[in-house]
Protein backbone atom coordinates (compact mmCIF):
# COMPACT_ATOMS: atom_id res chain seq x y z
CA MET A 1 -4.10 -0.01 2.28
CA ARG A 2 -1.78 1.60 4.75
CA ILE A 3 0.79 4.28 3.95
CA ARG A 4 3.72 5.64 5.95
CA GLN A 5 6.91 7.56 5.34
CA THR A 6 9.74 5.06 4.91
CA SER A 7 11.62 6.78 7.75
CA GLN A 8 8.77 6.11 10.22
CA LYS A 9 7.43 2.96 11.86
CA LYS A 10 3.86 4.16 12.37
CA PHE A 11 1.39 4.21 9.48
CA ARG A 12 -0.21 7.65 9.14
CA TRP A 13 -2.69 7.10 6.30
CA GLU A 14 -5.19 4.39 5.51
CA THR A 15 -7.47 4.06 2.52
CA TYR A 16 -9.61 1.53 0.67
CA THR A 17 -9.99 0.85 -3.03
CA ASN A 18 -13.19 1.40 -4.97
CA SER A 19 -14.92 -1.35 -6.97
CA ARG A 20 -12.28 -1.01 -9.72
CA GLY A 21 -9.34 -1.27 -7.33
CA GLU A 22 -8.52 2.45 -7.51
CA PHE A 23 -7.59 4.61 -4.55
CA ALA A 24 -6.35 8.12 -3.86
CA VAL A 25 -4.41 9.59 -0.96
CA ARG A 26 -2.72 12.95 -0.47
CA VAL A 27 0.70 13.02 1.18
CA PRO A 28 3.29 15.78 1.65
CA GLU A 29 5.63 15.96 -1.34
CA GLY A 30 9.37 15.46 -1.17
CA ASN A 31 9.24 12.27 0.92
CA GLU A 32 9.47 8.56 0.23
CA TYR A 33 6.50 6.41 1.27
CA GLU A 34 5.74 2.74 1.74
CA VAL A 35 2.34 1.57 0.48
CA VAL A 36 1.22 -1.73 2.03
CA VAL A 37 -1.69 -3.69 0.53
CA GLN A 38 -3.60 -6.30 2.52
CA ALA A 39 -6.50 -8.35 1.19
CA LYS A 40 -8.18 -11.38 2.70
CA SER A 41 -6.79 -14.67 1.33
CA PHE A 42 -3.85 -12.88 -0.38
CA LYS A 43 -0.23 -12.24 0.59
CA GLU A 44 0.59 -8.79 1.93
CA GLN A 45 2.57 -6.68 -0.53
CA SER A 46 4.33 -3.33 -0.39
CA GLN A 47 5.87 -0.79 -2.74
CA THR A 48 8.01 2.27 -2.11
CA VAL A 49 6.98 5.50 -3.81
CA LYS A 50 8.79 8.84 -3.94
CA ALA A 51 6.46 11.86 -3.84
CA ASP A 52 8.60 14.26 -5.85
CA ALA A 53 7.82 17.97 -5.90
CA GLY A 54 5.46 18.74 -8.76
CA THR A 55 4.27 15.16 -9.19
CA VAL A 56 0.50 15.24 -9.19
CA GLN A 57 -0.33 11.58 -9.72
CA GLN A 58 1.46 8.25 -9.78
CA ARG A 59 0.18 4.85 -10.85
CA LEU A 60 0.89 1.76 -8.79
CA SER A 61 0.11 -1.78 -9.86
CA PHE A 62 -0.16 -4.68 -7.46
CA ARG A 63 -0.67 -8.24 -8.61
CA LEU A 64 -2.10 -10.10 -5.63
CA ASP A 65 -0.79 -13.59 -4.99
CA PRO A 66 -2.96 -16.07 -3.08
CA ALA A 67 -1.86 -16.81 0.47
CA THR A 68 -0.58 -20.33 1.00
CA PRO A 69 -3.20 -22.18 3.09
CA GLY A 70 -2.08 -23.82 6.29
CA LYS A 71 0.96 -21.61 6.95
CA ALA A 72 1.47 -20.20 10.43
CA GLY A 73 0.14 -16.67 10.71
CA ASP A 74 -2.48 -17.02 7.97
CA LYS A 75 -5.88 -15.66 8.91
CA LYS A 76 -8.85 -17.87 8.15
């Protein structure tokens, strides 16, 4: 997983999930972030999250869709 402020092009944080698919990352509050998920054989997905002041924890759910085999740009 890669995370960046939505106003920036460069990703500043990277993390991995545990065996249950959970992850944690600390970011400065008051900003909006893009969380990008990449997994082998699955389509890349992203969600935008607002880190409001006083928010301690947020839950995100990603349902991974299989990548279409044979498309240009797919990694094998």
